[in-house]
Amino acid sequence: MSAQAENTRPRRRHSSGEATRELLMVTAERLFAMNGVEGVTLREIQAAAGQSNSSVITYHFGSQAGLVRALLEFRYRKINARRAELLQEARDRGVSGDPRETVWIIVRPLIESIDAGEMFVPFLARVSANSRTFAGYLDDGTVDVLRETVSSQLSAMPERARLGREVQLYNSVLNLLAELARGHQRISEAQLSNYVDGWVGMLTAPLSPATSELMRRE
């Protein structure tokens, strides 16, 4: 065997392994998006991906939880990079402190993911429904851009109110966009802009005297 042939063999195996790994993640993403993480077995993912090796998922990911973590990292890498790009553009235009820009930075990469035919948004809506489980799947830094942009708009609020607004905004965005993605519904820029207006209101609405008093008592 020539030296050139020997040098190409590992590269081909690596390329094939990466392709299989990505195929399994994309297949799992679609099934999880429709049925939830608990509603899908590893065997179903294996079969839907057209893989005959019954241990292919454990080989690449170790477990179902490992698969979920890898999928989140795989998709968030692009989404967080896009959010960082949008945030820098907002800074360059001098509007990074604007609440509407903040919401767009959160929403735009998710819309772009849906437009690309990915099922990450409905998958994310499913897996984040249980906040404790979701936190266990995430690596440190996975949602830093999201948390940074939201928190900057709520710095004057009590921490309890701020955390509540973050969760409220995040869940509203995910659940609405997830339904659009599952139904393969297109959304116009005007419709999306209207939703963003509503999310901005959710983010920035002042605490009522009643809420402030209840939080003070508790």
N, C-alpha and C. Protein backbone atom coordinates (compact mmCIF):
# COMPACT_ATOMS: atom_id res chain seq x y z
N MET A 1 0.84 -1.19 0.00
CA MET A 1 0.00 0.00 0.00
C MET A 1 0.88 1.25 0.00
N SER A 2 0.56 2.23 -0.83
CA SER A 2 1.38 3.43 -0.92
C SER A 2 1.19 4.31 0.30
N ALA A 3 2.18 5.19 0.53
CA ALA A 3 2.09 6.13 1.65
C ALA A 3 0.89 7.05 1.48
N GLN A 4 0.61 7.40 0.21
CA GLN A 4 -0.54 8.29 -0.03
C GLN A 4 -1.84 7.62 0.37
N ALA A 5 -1.99 6.33 0.05
CA ALA A 5 -3.20 5.60 0.40
C ALA A 5 -3.35 5.49 1.91
N GLU A 6 -2.22 5.23 2.61
CA GLU A 6 -2.29 5.14 4.07
C GLU A 6 -2.70 6.47 4.69
N ASN A 7 -2.24 7.56 4.13
CA ASN A 7 -2.56 8.88 4.68
C ASN A 7 -4.02 9.25 4.49
N THR A 8 -4.65 8.69 3.45
CA THR A 8 -6.05 9.07 3.19
C THR A 8 -7.04 8.24 3.99
N ARG A 9 -6.65 7.05 4.44
CA ARG A 9 -7.61 6.19 5.13
C ARG A 9 -8.17 6.79 6.40
N PRO A 10 -7.35 7.30 7.33
CA PRO A 10 -7.91 7.89 8.55
C PRO A 10 -8.82 9.08 8.25
N ARG A 11 -8.46 9.85 7.21
CA ARG A 11 -9.26 11.03 6.88
C ARG A 11 -10.65 10.60 6.42
N ARG A 12 -10.72 9.52 5.62
CA ARG A 12 -12.02 9.06 5.14
C ARG A 12 -12.86 8.53 6.29
N ARG A 13 -12.24 7.79 7.21
CA ARG A 13 -12.98 7.26 8.36
C ARG A 13 -13.51 8.39 9.22
N HIS A 14 -12.67 9.40 9.45
CA HIS A 14 -13.09 10.52 10.28
C HIS A 14 -14.25 11.26 9.63
N SER A 15 -14.14 11.49 8.32
CA SER A 15 -15.20 12.19 7.60
C SER A 15 -16.50 11.40 7.67
N SER A 16 -16.42 10.08 7.50
CA SER A 16 -17.61 9.24 7.56
C SER A 16 -18.21 9.25 8.96
N GLY A 17 -17.35 9.19 9.99
CA GLY A 17 -17.84 9.21 11.36
C GLY A 17 -18.53 10.51 11.70
N GLU A 18 -17.99 11.62 11.25
CA GLU A 18 -18.61 12.92 11.50
C GLU A 18 -19.95 13.03 10.79
N ALA A 19 -20.01 12.51 9.57
CA ALA A 19 -21.26 12.55 8.82
C ALA A 19 -22.34 11.72 9.52
N THR A 20 -21.96 10.54 10.03
CA THR A 20 -22.90 9.70 10.76
C THR A 20 -23.37 10.39 12.04
N ARG A 21 -22.43 11.00 12.73
CA ARG A 21 -22.75 11.71 13.97
C ARG A 21 -23.76 12.84 13.72
N GLU A 22 -23.51 13.60 12.67
CA GLU A 22 -24.43 14.71 12.35
C GLU A 22 -25.78 14.17 11.91
N LEU A 23 -25.79 13.09 11.13
CA LEU A 23 -27.05 12.48 10.70
C LEU A 23 -27.88 12.05 11.90
N LEU A 24 -27.24 11.44 12.88
CA LEU A 24 -27.94 11.00 14.08
C LEU A 24 -28.51 12.19 14.86
N MET A 25 -27.74 13.28 14.95
CA MET A 25 -28.23 14.45 15.67
C MET A 25 -29.42 15.08 14.97
N VAL A 26 -29.33 15.22 13.66
CA VAL A 26 -30.43 15.84 12.91
C VAL A 26 -31.67 14.97 12.96
N THR A 27 -31.49 13.66 12.88
CA THR A 27 -32.63 12.74 12.97
C THR A 27 -33.27 12.80 14.35
N ALA A 28 -32.44 12.78 15.39
CA ALA A 28 -32.95 12.88 16.76
C ALA A 28 -33.67 14.21 16.97
N GLU A 29 -33.10 15.27 16.44
CA GLU A 29 -33.72 16.60 16.57
C GLU A 29 -35.15 16.58 16.04
N ARG A 30 -35.35 15.99 14.88
CA ARG A 30 -36.69 15.94 14.28
C ARG A 30 -37.65 15.11 15.13
N LEU A 31 -37.20 13.95 15.59
CA LEU A 31 -38.07 13.09 16.39
C LEU A 31 -38.36 13.71 17.76
N PHE A 32 -37.34 14.27 18.40
CA PHE A 32 -37.55 14.94 19.68
C PHE A 32 -38.49 16.13 19.54
N ALA A 33 -38.37 16.86 18.44
CA ALA A 33 -39.22 18.04 18.22
C ALA A 33 -40.69 17.67 18.16
N MET A 34 -40.98 16.50 17.62
CA MET A 34 -42.37 16.09 17.46
C MET A 34 -42.90 15.33 18.69
N ASN A 35 -42.04 14.57 19.36
CA ASN A 35 -42.51 13.66 20.41
C ASN A 35 -41.91 13.90 21.79
N GLY A 36 -40.97 14.82 21.91
CA GLY A 36 -40.30 15.04 23.18
C GLY A 36 -39.17 14.06 23.38
N VAL A 37 -38.22 14.41 24.23
CA VAL A 37 -37.05 13.55 24.46
C VAL A 37 -37.48 12.22 25.08
N GLU A 38 -38.41 12.27 26.04
CA GLU A 38 -38.83 11.04 26.72
C GLU A 38 -39.68 10.15 25.82
N GLY A 39 -40.21 10.70 24.73
CA GLY A 39 -41.10 9.93 23.86
C GLY A 39 -40.40 9.25 22.71
N VAL A 40 -39.07 9.26 22.69
CA VAL A 40 -38.31 8.68 21.58
C VAL A 40 -37.24 7.76 22.13
N THR A 41 -37.10 6.58 21.57
CA THR A 41 -36.07 5.64 22.00
C THR A 41 -34.85 5.73 21.08
N LEU A 42 -33.74 5.23 21.59
CA LEU A 42 -32.52 5.21 20.77
C LEU A 42 -32.71 4.33 19.54
N ARG A 43 -33.46 3.26 19.69
CA ARG A 43 -33.70 2.37 18.55
C ARG A 43 -34.50 3.07 17.47
N GLU A 44 -35.44 3.90 17.86
CA GLU A 44 -36.23 4.65 16.87
C GLU A 44 -35.35 5.65 16.11
N ILE A 45 -34.45 6.29 16.83
CA ILE A 45 -33.53 7.23 16.17
C ILE A 45 -32.62 6.48 15.21
N GLN A 46 -32.08 5.37 15.67
CA GLN A 46 -31.20 4.55 14.83
C GLN A 46 -31.90 4.13 13.55
N ALA A 47 -33.14 3.64 13.68
CA ALA A 47 -33.88 3.17 12.51
C ALA A 47 -34.21 4.32 11.57
N ALA A 48 -34.65 5.45 12.12
CA ALA A 48 -35.01 6.60 11.29
C ALA A 48 -33.80 7.15 10.55
N ALA A 49 -32.62 6.99 11.14
CA ALA A 49 -31.38 7.45 10.50
C ALA A 49 -30.83 6.43 9.51
N GLY A 50 -31.50 5.27 9.39
CA GLY A 50 -31.06 4.24 8.45
C GLY A 50 -29.79 3.54 8.85
N GLN A 51 -29.56 3.41 10.17
CA GLN A 51 -28.34 2.79 10.68
C GLN A 51 -28.64 1.36 11.16
N SER A 52 -27.86 0.41 10.69
CA SER A 52 -28.09 -0.99 11.08
C SER A 52 -27.39 -1.36 12.38
N ASN A 53 -26.39 -0.61 12.76
CA ASN A 53 -25.62 -0.90 13.97
C ASN A 53 -26.42 -0.46 15.19
N SER A 54 -26.83 -1.41 16.03
CA SER A 54 -27.68 -1.09 17.16
C SER A 54 -26.98 -0.26 18.24
N SER A 55 -25.65 -0.24 18.21
CA SER A 55 -24.91 0.52 19.22
C SER A 55 -24.32 1.82 18.67
N VAL A 56 -24.81 2.26 17.50
CA VAL A 56 -24.20 3.42 16.84
C VAL A 56 -24.35 4.70 17.68
N ILE A 57 -25.48 4.85 18.38
CA ILE A 57 -25.69 6.07 19.16
C ILE A 57 -24.82 6.06 20.41
N THR A 58 -24.77 4.93 21.09
CA THR A 58 -23.91 4.86 22.28
C THR A 58 -22.44 4.99 21.90
N TYR A 59 -22.08 4.53 20.71
CA TYR A 59 -20.70 4.67 20.25
C TYR A 59 -20.33 6.14 20.09
N HIS A 60 -21.22 6.92 19.50
CA HIS A 60 -20.93 8.33 19.21
C HIS A 60 -21.23 9.27 20.38
N PHE A 61 -22.23 8.93 21.21
CA PHE A 61 -22.68 9.88 22.22
C PHE A 61 -22.72 9.34 23.64
N GLY A 62 -22.58 8.04 23.79
CA GLY A 62 -22.58 7.44 25.12
C GLY A 62 -23.95 7.08 25.64
N SER A 63 -24.93 7.97 25.45
CA SER A 63 -26.27 7.76 25.97
C SER A 63 -27.22 8.75 25.29
N GLN A 64 -28.50 8.62 25.61
CA GLN A 64 -29.47 9.58 25.06
C GLN A 64 -29.20 10.98 25.58
N ALA A 65 -28.84 11.08 26.86
CA ALA A 65 -28.51 12.39 27.43
C ALA A 65 -27.29 12.99 26.72
N GLY A 66 -26.32 12.15 26.41
CA GLY A 66 -25.15 12.62 25.68
C GLY A 66 -25.50 13.10 24.29
N LEU A 67 -26.46 12.43 23.66
CA LEU A 67 -26.94 12.85 22.34
C LEU A 67 -27.63 14.21 22.43
N VAL A 68 -28.47 14.40 23.44
CA VAL A 68 -29.15 15.69 23.62
C VAL A 68 -28.14 16.80 23.85
N ARG A 69 -27.16 16.55 24.71
CA ARG A 69 -26.14 17.57 24.98
C ARG A 69 -25.35 17.90 23.72
N ALA A 70 -24.99 16.89 22.95
CA ALA A 70 -24.24 17.12 21.71
C ALA A 70 -25.06 17.92 20.71
N LEU A 71 -26.35 17.63 20.64
CA LEU A 71 -27.23 18.34 19.72
C LEU A 71 -27.36 19.81 20.12
N LEU A 72 -27.54 20.06 21.40
CA LEU A 72 -27.62 21.45 21.88
C LEU A 72 -26.32 22.20 21.57
N GLU A 73 -25.19 21.57 21.82
CA GLU A 73 -23.91 22.22 21.54
C GLU A 73 -23.75 22.47 20.04
N PHE A 74 -24.13 21.50 19.24
CA PHE A 74 -24.01 21.57 17.78
C PHE A 74 -24.80 22.76 17.23
N ARG A 75 -26.05 22.92 17.65
CA ARG A 75 -26.89 24.00 17.14
C ARG A 75 -26.57 25.35 17.80
N TYR A 76 -26.32 25.33 19.11
CA TYR A 76 -26.05 26.59 19.79
C TYR A 76 -24.76 27.25 19.31
N ARG A 77 -23.82 26.43 18.84
CA ARG A 77 -22.56 27.01 18.35
C ARG A 77 -22.85 28.03 17.25
N LYS A 78 -23.73 27.68 16.33
CA LYS A 78 -24.07 28.58 15.23
C LYS A 78 -24.97 29.71 15.70
N ILE A 79 -25.96 29.39 16.53
CA ILE A 79 -26.92 30.40 16.98
C ILE A 79 -26.24 31.45 17.85
N ASN A 80 -25.39 31.02 18.77
CA ASN A 80 -24.70 31.98 19.62
C ASN A 80 -23.72 32.83 18.82
N ALA A 81 -23.08 32.24 17.82
CA ALA A 81 -22.19 33.02 16.96
C ALA A 81 -22.98 34.08 16.20
N ARG A 82 -24.16 33.70 15.73
CA ARG A 82 -25.01 34.65 15.01
C ARG A 82 -25.50 35.75 15.95
N ARG A 83 -25.86 35.39 17.18
CA ARG A 83 -26.29 36.40 18.15
C ARG A 83 -25.15 37.36 18.48
N ALA A 84 -23.96 36.83 18.61
CA ALA A 84 -22.81 37.69 18.88
C ALA A 84 -22.57 38.65 17.71
N GLU A 85 -22.76 38.15 16.51
CA GLU A 85 -22.61 38.98 15.31
C GLU A 85 -23.65 40.10 15.30
N LEU A 86 -24.90 39.76 15.59
CA LEU A 86 -25.98 40.75 15.62
C LEU A 86 -25.76 41.77 16.73
N LEU A 87 -25.26 41.29 17.86
CA LEU A 87 -24.99 42.19 18.97
C LEU A 87 -23.89 43.19 18.60
N GLN A 88 -22.86 42.70 17.92
CA GLN A 88 -21.79 43.61 17.50
C GLN A 88 -22.30 44.63 16.49
N GLU A 89 -23.17 44.18 15.57
CA GLU A 89 -23.76 45.11 14.61
C GLU A 89 -24.57 46.19 15.32
N ALA A 90 -25.33 45.78 16.35
CA ALA A 90 -26.12 46.74 17.11
C ALA A 90 -25.21 47.74 17.83
N ARG A 91 -24.11 47.25 18.37
CA ARG A 91 -23.14 48.14 19.02
C ARG A 91 -22.55 49.14 18.03
N ASP A 92 -22.24 48.64 16.83
CA ASP A 92 -21.66 49.51 15.81
C ASP A 92 -22.64 50.61 15.40
N ARG A 93 -23.93 50.30 15.45
CA ARG A 93 -24.96 51.29 15.10
C ARG A 93 -25.39 52.12 16.30
N GLY A 94 -24.83 51.80 17.47
CA GLY A 94 -25.15 52.57 18.67
C GLY A 94 -26.52 52.28 19.25
N VAL A 95 -27.07 51.07 18.97
CA VAL A 95 -28.43 50.75 19.45
C VAL A 95 -28.44 49.48 20.30
N SER A 96 -27.29 49.08 20.82
CA SER A 96 -27.24 47.83 21.57
C SER A 96 -28.05 47.88 22.86
N GLY A 97 -28.35 49.09 23.36
CA GLY A 97 -29.14 49.20 24.57
C GLY A 97 -30.62 49.29 24.33
N ASP A 98 -31.03 49.18 23.08
CA ASP A 98 -32.45 49.29 22.75
C ASP A 98 -33.15 47.96 22.98
N PRO A 99 -34.26 47.93 23.73
CA PRO A 99 -34.93 46.66 24.02
C PRO A 99 -35.38 45.91 22.77
N ARG A 100 -35.80 46.65 21.76
CA ARG A 100 -36.26 45.97 20.54
C ARG A 100 -35.09 45.27 19.84
N GLU A 101 -33.92 45.91 19.85
CA GLU A 101 -32.74 45.26 19.28
C GLU A 101 -32.41 44.00 20.06
N THR A 102 -32.55 44.05 21.36
CA THR A 102 -32.28 42.88 22.19
C THR A 102 -33.18 41.71 21.80
N VAL A 103 -34.46 41.98 21.65
CA VAL A 103 -35.39 40.90 21.29
C VAL A 103 -35.07 40.37 19.89
N TRP A 104 -34.74 41.25 18.96
CA TRP A 104 -34.37 40.78 17.62
C TRP A 104 -33.12 39.90 17.66
N ILE A 105 -32.17 40.25 18.52
CA ILE A 105 -30.95 39.43 18.63
C ILE A 105 -31.29 38.03 19.11
N ILE A 106 -32.29 37.91 19.97
CA ILE A 106 -32.74 36.61 20.45
C ILE A 106 -33.50 35.85 19.36
N VAL A 107 -34.38 36.56 18.67
CA VAL A 107 -35.34 35.92 17.76
C VAL A 107 -34.76 35.61 16.39
N ARG A 108 -33.99 36.53 15.83
CA ARG A 108 -33.58 36.39 14.43
C ARG A 108 -32.85 35.08 14.13
N PRO A 109 -31.87 34.64 14.95
CA PRO A 109 -31.20 33.36 14.63
C PRO A 109 -32.14 32.17 14.70
N LEU A 110 -33.17 32.23 15.54
CA LEU A 110 -34.13 31.13 15.61
C LEU A 110 -34.98 31.08 14.34
N ILE A 111 -35.38 32.24 13.85
CA ILE A 111 -36.13 32.30 12.60
C ILE A 111 -35.27 31.78 11.45
N GLU A 112 -34.01 32.16 11.44
CA GLU A 112 -33.11 31.70 10.38
C GLU A 112 -32.93 30.18 10.44
N SER A 113 -32.91 29.62 11.64
CA SER A 113 -32.83 28.17 11.78
C SER A 113 -34.07 27.49 11.20
N ILE A 114 -35.24 28.06 11.50
CA ILE A 114 -36.49 27.51 10.96
C ILE A 114 -36.50 27.62 9.44
N ASP A 115 -36.10 28.78 8.92
CA ASP A 115 -36.08 28.98 7.47
C ASP A 115 -35.13 28.01 6.77
N ALA A 116 -34.10 27.57 7.49
CA ALA A 116 -33.14 26.61 6.92
C ALA A 116 -33.67 25.18 6.95
N GLY A 117 -34.88 24.99 7.49
CA GLY A 117 -35.48 23.66 7.54
C GLY A 117 -35.09 22.84 8.76
N GLU A 118 -34.39 23.46 9.70
CA GLU A 118 -33.99 22.76 10.92
C GLU A 118 -35.16 22.69 11.91
N MET A 119 -35.15 21.65 12.73
CA MET A 119 -36.20 21.48 13.73
C MET A 119 -35.67 21.77 15.13
N PHE A 120 -34.63 22.59 15.20
CA PHE A 120 -34.02 22.88 16.49
C PHE A 120 -34.96 23.66 17.41
N VAL A 121 -35.69 24.61 16.88
CA VAL A 121 -36.55 25.44 17.74
C VAL A 121 -37.63 24.60 18.42
N PRO A 122 -38.40 23.78 17.70
CA PRO A 122 -39.37 22.94 18.42
C PRO A 122 -38.72 21.90 19.33
N PHE A 123 -37.55 21.40 18.96
CA PHE A 123 -36.80 20.52 19.87
C PHE A 123 -36.45 21.27 21.14
N LEU A 124 -35.96 22.50 20.99
CA LEU A 124 -35.55 23.30 22.14
C LEU A 124 -36.74 23.62 23.03
N ALA A 125 -37.88 23.88 22.42
CA ALA A 125 -39.09 24.14 23.20
C ALA A 125 -39.46 22.92 24.03
N ARG A 126 -39.32 21.74 23.45
CA ARG A 126 -39.63 20.50 24.18
C ARG A 126 -38.67 20.29 25.35
N VAL A 127 -37.36 20.39 25.06
CA VAL A 127 -36.37 20.02 26.07
C VAL A 127 -36.26 21.07 27.17
N SER A 128 -36.61 22.32 26.86
CA SER A 128 -36.50 23.37 27.88
C SER A 128 -37.76 23.51 28.72
N ALA A 129 -38.78 22.72 28.41
CA ALA A 129 -40.03 22.80 29.18
C ALA A 129 -39.79 22.45 30.64
N ASN A 130 -38.87 21.52 30.89
CA ASN A 130 -38.48 21.18 32.26
C ASN A 130 -37.16 21.89 32.54
N SER A 131 -37.22 23.00 33.27
CA SER A 131 -36.03 23.85 33.45
C SER A 131 -34.90 23.11 34.17
N ARG A 132 -35.23 22.22 35.10
CA ARG A 132 -34.18 21.50 35.83
C ARG A 132 -33.46 20.53 34.91
N THR A 133 -34.23 19.79 34.12
CA THR A 133 -33.62 18.86 33.17
C THR A 133 -32.81 19.61 32.13
N PHE A 134 -33.35 20.72 31.64
CA PHE A 134 -32.68 21.51 30.62
C PHE A 134 -31.33 22.00 31.11
N ALA A 135 -31.29 22.50 32.34
CA ALA A 135 -30.04 23.01 32.90
C ALA A 135 -28.98 21.91 32.96
N GLY A 136 -29.41 20.69 33.21
CA GLY A 136 -28.47 19.59 33.27
C GLY A 136 -27.87 19.22 31.93
N TYR A 137 -28.57 19.56 30.84
CA TYR A 137 -28.06 19.26 29.51
C TYR A 137 -27.05 20.29 29.03
N LEU A 138 -27.14 21.52 29.54
CA LEU A 138 -26.34 22.60 29.00
C LEU A 138 -24.94 22.63 29.58
N ASP A 139 -23.97 22.93 28.72
CA ASP A 139 -22.61 23.21 29.18
C ASP A 139 -22.54 24.69 29.56
N ASP A 140 -21.61 25.03 30.44
CA ASP A 140 -21.42 26.43 30.80
C ASP A 140 -21.12 27.25 29.55
N GLY A 141 -21.79 28.39 29.43
CA GLY A 141 -21.53 29.28 28.30
C GLY A 141 -22.45 29.08 27.12
N THR A 142 -23.32 28.05 27.16
CA THR A 142 -24.15 27.76 26.01
C THR A 142 -25.10 28.90 25.68
N VAL A 143 -25.66 29.54 26.69
CA VAL A 143 -26.63 30.59 26.43
C VAL A 143 -26.16 31.95 26.95
N ASP A 144 -24.85 32.14 27.02
CA ASP A 144 -24.32 33.39 27.54
C ASP A 144 -24.82 34.61 26.78
N VAL A 145 -24.86 34.53 25.46
CA VAL A 145 -25.28 35.67 24.66
C VAL A 145 -26.73 36.01 24.95
N LEU A 146 -27.56 34.99 25.03
CA LEU A 146 -28.97 35.22 25.33
C LEU A 146 -29.13 35.87 26.70
N ARG A 147 -28.49 35.32 27.71
CA ARG A 147 -28.65 35.86 29.06
C ARG A 147 -28.08 37.27 29.16
N GLU A 148 -26.98 37.52 28.50
CA GLU A 148 -26.37 38.86 28.55
C GLU A 148 -27.29 39.91 27.94
N THR A 149 -27.87 39.61 26.79
CA THR A 149 -28.69 40.61 26.12
C THR A 149 -29.98 40.87 26.87
N VAL A 150 -30.59 39.84 27.45
CA VAL A 150 -31.83 40.04 28.19
C VAL A 150 -31.55 40.76 29.50
N SER A 151 -30.56 40.30 30.24
CA SER A 151 -30.31 40.85 31.56
C SER A 151 -29.97 42.34 31.51
N SER A 152 -29.33 42.77 30.43
CA SER A 152 -28.96 44.17 30.33
C SER A 152 -30.18 45.09 30.28
N GLN A 153 -31.31 44.54 29.86
CA GLN A 153 -32.53 45.35 29.79
C GLN A 153 -33.29 45.38 31.11
N LEU A 154 -32.90 44.53 32.05
CA LEU A 154 -33.67 44.38 33.28
C LEU A 154 -32.86 44.69 34.53
N SER A 155 -31.76 45.39 34.36
CA SER A 155 -30.84 45.58 35.48
C SER A 155 -31.46 46.36 36.64
N ALA A 156 -32.47 47.18 36.37
CA ALA A 156 -33.07 47.98 37.44
C ALA A 156 -34.14 47.21 38.22
N MET A 157 -34.52 46.04 37.75
CA MET A 157 -35.57 45.25 38.40
C MET A 157 -34.99 44.41 39.53
N PRO A 158 -35.81 44.08 40.52
CA PRO A 158 -35.38 43.09 41.51
C PRO A 158 -35.03 41.77 40.82
N GLU A 159 -34.08 41.06 41.38
CA GLU A 159 -33.60 39.83 40.73
C GLU A 159 -34.73 38.85 40.46
N ARG A 160 -35.63 38.71 41.41
CA ARG A 160 -36.73 37.75 41.23
C ARG A 160 -37.58 38.12 40.03
N ALA A 161 -37.87 39.40 39.89
CA ALA A 161 -38.67 39.86 38.75
C ALA A 161 -37.89 39.69 37.45
N ARG A 162 -36.61 39.99 37.50
CA ARG A 162 -35.77 39.87 36.30
C ARG A 162 -35.73 38.43 35.80
N LEU A 163 -35.51 37.49 36.71
CA LEU A 163 -35.46 36.09 36.31
C LEU A 163 -36.80 35.63 35.75
N GLY A 164 -37.88 36.10 36.36
CA GLY A 164 -39.20 35.75 35.86
C GLY A 164 -39.44 36.27 34.45
N ARG A 165 -39.00 37.49 34.19
CA ARG A 165 -39.17 38.06 32.85
C ARG A 165 -38.34 37.31 31.81
N GLU A 166 -37.13 36.92 32.18
CA GLU A 166 -36.29 36.14 31.26
C GLU A 166 -36.98 34.85 30.86
N VAL A 167 -37.48 34.12 31.86
CA VAL A 167 -38.15 32.85 31.58
C VAL A 167 -39.41 33.07 30.75
N GLN A 168 -40.17 34.09 31.09
CA GLN A 168 -41.41 34.39 30.38
C GLN A 168 -41.14 34.71 28.92
N LEU A 169 -40.15 35.56 28.69
CA LEU A 169 -39.81 35.92 27.31
C LEU A 169 -39.30 34.72 26.54
N TYR A 170 -38.37 34.00 27.13
CA TYR A 170 -37.75 32.85 26.46
C TYR A 170 -38.80 31.80 26.09
N ASN A 171 -39.69 31.46 27.04
CA ASN A 171 -40.70 30.45 26.77
C ASN A 171 -41.70 30.91 25.72
N SER A 172 -42.07 32.17 25.77
CA SER A 172 -43.03 32.69 24.78
C SER A 172 -42.44 32.64 23.38
N VAL A 173 -41.20 33.08 23.23
CA VAL A 173 -40.54 33.05 21.92
C VAL A 173 -40.45 31.62 21.41
N LEU A 174 -39.95 30.72 22.24
CA LEU A 174 -39.75 29.33 21.81
C LEU A 174 -41.06 28.65 21.44
N ASN A 175 -42.06 28.78 22.30
CA ASN A 175 -43.31 28.05 22.06
C ASN A 175 -44.04 28.55 20.83
N LEU A 176 -44.05 29.86 20.62
CA LEU A 176 -44.73 30.39 19.44
C LEU A 176 -44.00 29.98 18.16
N LEU A 177 -42.68 30.15 18.15
CA LEU A 177 -41.93 29.80 16.95
C LEU A 177 -41.91 28.29 16.72
N ALA A 178 -41.94 27.51 17.80
CA ALA A 178 -41.97 26.05 17.66
C ALA A 178 -43.24 25.59 16.95
N GLU A 179 -44.36 26.20 17.29
CA GLU A 179 -45.62 25.82 16.63
C GLU A 179 -45.57 26.14 15.14
N LEU A 180 -44.97 27.27 14.79
CA LEU A 180 -44.83 27.61 13.38
C LEU A 180 -43.95 26.58 12.66
N ALA A 181 -42.86 26.19 13.31
CA ALA A 181 -41.94 25.23 12.68
C ALA A 181 -42.58 23.86 12.53
N ARG A 182 -43.29 23.40 13.56
CA ARG A 182 -43.93 22.08 13.47
C ARG A 182 -44.99 22.05 12.37
N GLY A 183 -45.70 23.15 12.22
CA GLY A 183 -46.74 23.21 11.20
C GLY A 183 -46.24 23.66 9.84
N HIS A 184 -44.92 23.86 9.73
CA HIS A 184 -44.31 24.33 8.49
C HIS A 184 -45.00 25.59 7.97
N GLN A 185 -45.33 26.48 8.89
CA GLN A 185 -45.99 27.73 8.54
C GLN A 185 -44.95 28.83 8.33
N ARG A 186 -45.13 29.58 7.28
CA ARG A 186 -44.29 30.73 7.02
C ARG A 186 -44.82 31.94 7.77
N ILE A 187 -43.94 32.79 8.19
CA ILE A 187 -44.35 33.99 8.90
C ILE A 187 -43.78 35.19 8.16
N SER A 188 -44.62 36.18 7.92
CA SER A 188 -44.16 37.37 7.21
C SER A 188 -43.33 38.24 8.14
N GLU A 189 -42.56 39.14 7.55
CA GLU A 189 -41.76 40.05 8.35
C GLU A 189 -42.66 40.96 9.19
N ALA A 190 -43.82 41.32 8.63
CA ALA A 190 -44.75 42.17 9.38
C ALA A 190 -45.31 41.43 10.60
N GLN A 191 -45.69 40.17 10.42
CA GLN A 191 -46.18 39.37 11.54
C GLN A 191 -45.11 39.22 12.61
N LEU A 192 -43.89 38.90 12.17
CA LEU A 192 -42.80 38.72 13.11
C LEU A 192 -42.51 40.01 13.86
N SER A 193 -42.55 41.14 13.16
CA SER A 193 -42.31 42.43 13.80
C SER A 193 -43.36 42.71 14.87
N ASN A 194 -44.60 42.31 14.58
CA ASN A 194 -45.68 42.49 15.56
C ASN A 194 -45.44 41.64 16.80
N TYR A 195 -45.00 40.40 16.59
CA TYR A 195 -44.66 39.54 17.73
C TYR A 195 -43.53 40.15 18.55
N VAL A 196 -42.52 40.67 17.86
CA VAL A 196 -41.39 41.29 18.55
C VAL A 196 -41.87 42.47 19.39
N ASP A 197 -42.80 43.26 18.86
CA ASP A 197 -43.36 44.37 19.64
C ASP A 197 -43.96 43.85 20.95
N GLY A 198 -44.69 42.74 20.85
CA GLY A 198 -45.30 42.16 22.05
C GLY A 198 -44.26 41.66 23.03
N TRP A 199 -43.20 41.04 22.52
CA TRP A 199 -42.15 40.54 23.40
C TRP A 199 -41.38 41.68 24.07
N VAL A 200 -41.22 42.78 23.35
CA VAL A 200 -40.58 43.95 23.95
C VAL A 200 -41.41 44.47 25.11
N GLY A 201 -42.74 44.51 24.90
CA GLY A 201 -43.63 44.94 25.98
C GLY A 201 -43.54 44.02 27.18
N MET A 202 -43.47 42.72 26.92
CA MET A 202 -43.33 41.73 28.00
C MET A 202 -42.04 41.96 28.78
N LEU A 203 -40.98 42.28 28.05
CA LEU A 203 -39.67 42.45 28.66
C LEU A 203 -39.58 43.72 29.50
N THR A 204 -40.18 44.79 29.02
CA THR A 204 -39.93 46.11 29.61
C THR A 204 -41.08 46.67 30.45
N ALA A 205 -42.20 45.96 30.52
CA ALA A 205 -43.33 46.48 31.30
C ALA A 205 -42.92 46.71 32.75
N PRO A 206 -43.26 47.88 33.31
CA PRO A 206 -42.87 48.15 34.70
C PRO A 206 -43.62 47.25 35.67
N LEU A 207 -43.01 46.98 36.80
CA LEU A 207 -43.70 46.24 37.84
C LEU A 207 -44.84 47.09 38.38
N SER A 208 -45.99 46.50 38.55
CA SER A 208 -47.10 47.22 39.15
C SER A 208 -46.86 47.40 40.64
N PRO A 209 -47.48 48.39 41.25
CA PRO A 209 -47.37 48.53 42.71
C PRO A 209 -47.80 47.26 43.44
N ALA A 210 -48.84 46.58 42.91
CA ALA A 210 -49.32 45.36 43.55
C ALA A 210 -48.24 44.27 43.54
N THR A 211 -47.59 44.09 42.37
CA THR A 211 -46.54 43.07 42.26
C THR A 211 -45.36 43.43 43.16
N SER A 212 -44.96 44.68 43.15
CA SER A 212 -43.84 45.11 43.99
C SER A 212 -44.12 44.84 45.46
N GLU A 213 -45.34 45.12 45.89
CA GLU A 213 -45.70 44.90 47.29
C GLU A 213 -45.73 43.43 47.63
N LEU A 214 -46.27 42.60 46.74
CA LEU A 214 -46.30 41.16 46.98
C LEU A 214 -44.88 40.59 47.07
N MET A 215 -44.00 41.04 46.20
CA MET A 215 -42.62 40.56 46.25
C MET A 215 -41.92 41.03 47.51
N ARG A 216 -42.22 42.24 47.95
CA ARG A 216 -41.62 42.75 49.19
C ARG A 216 -42.04 41.91 50.37
N ARG A 217 -43.32 41.51 50.41
CA ARG A 217 -43.84 40.70 51.52
C ARG A 217 -43.23 39.31 51.54
N GLU A 218 -43.03 38.74 50.35
CA GLU A 218 -42.52 37.37 50.25
C GLU A 218 -41.02 37.31 50.43
